[in-house]
Amino acid sequence: MPDNSNQILTLREIIQNRRAVYPVAFNDAPVDDHIIEEMLEAANWAPTHRLTQPWRFSVFTGEGINKLADFQSELYKKIASEKNTFKDATYDKLKTKPLKCSHIISIGMKRDIKQSVPEIEEVSAVACAVQNMWLTASAHKVGCYWGSGGITYEKEALPFFGLSDNDQLLGFLYIGNTDKPWPKGRRSPITEKTEWIRE
């Protein structure tokens, strides 16, 4: 049998070095589109029950980021004003945070009702797709952060991202180059979270 130990070690290193790198750590250097395309191709090979492939992505970059920032801040203002919960700080964050990014990818889950796949399995498939993107970005030392705040769970946001009422918006992948030190990992031992049953 071929010796794949080096490949396995490399994969393990990539997994263990995946980190959330937040937009505050991003610099002004744009991420090459070919890395984004590589991330999306990796996402497309996530596991998917009955091949529903429920992931749907919109990639915002350049002026598209301004369009996203305007949309989400104004939608928040509309919804929060109706509920009497509007906060200037939240509005400003939604308006300015995207501008620190090179690219932002919206994470959508498209439901195929005819397939009758349980919703949790579709959400899990999308999460696997995001993990594939995140690992690819980390392999390139590109910063990534999956955020699900702001307008993520507002039904009014769905059409903007090409989603229908049966679908879900599961957040955003914020992407940018960074020259900050790569964050260190923190995990407790897997033995504390695992039980082996042998008999």
Foldseek 3Di string as FASTA:
>chain_A
DDDCPVVVVVLVVLVQLQDADALVQFDPDADDVVLVVVLQVLLQPFDAPVPPSFKAKDKAADCSLQVQLVVLLVVLVVVCVVVVNDDPVLSVCSNPRSVSFRMKMWIKGADDVVVVDDPVRSVVSSVRSNVSSSSSCVVVQKHKHWDQDGCQAPQVCQVVRVYHSVMGTRTMIGIHHGPDPRDHDDDDDCVVVDDDDDD
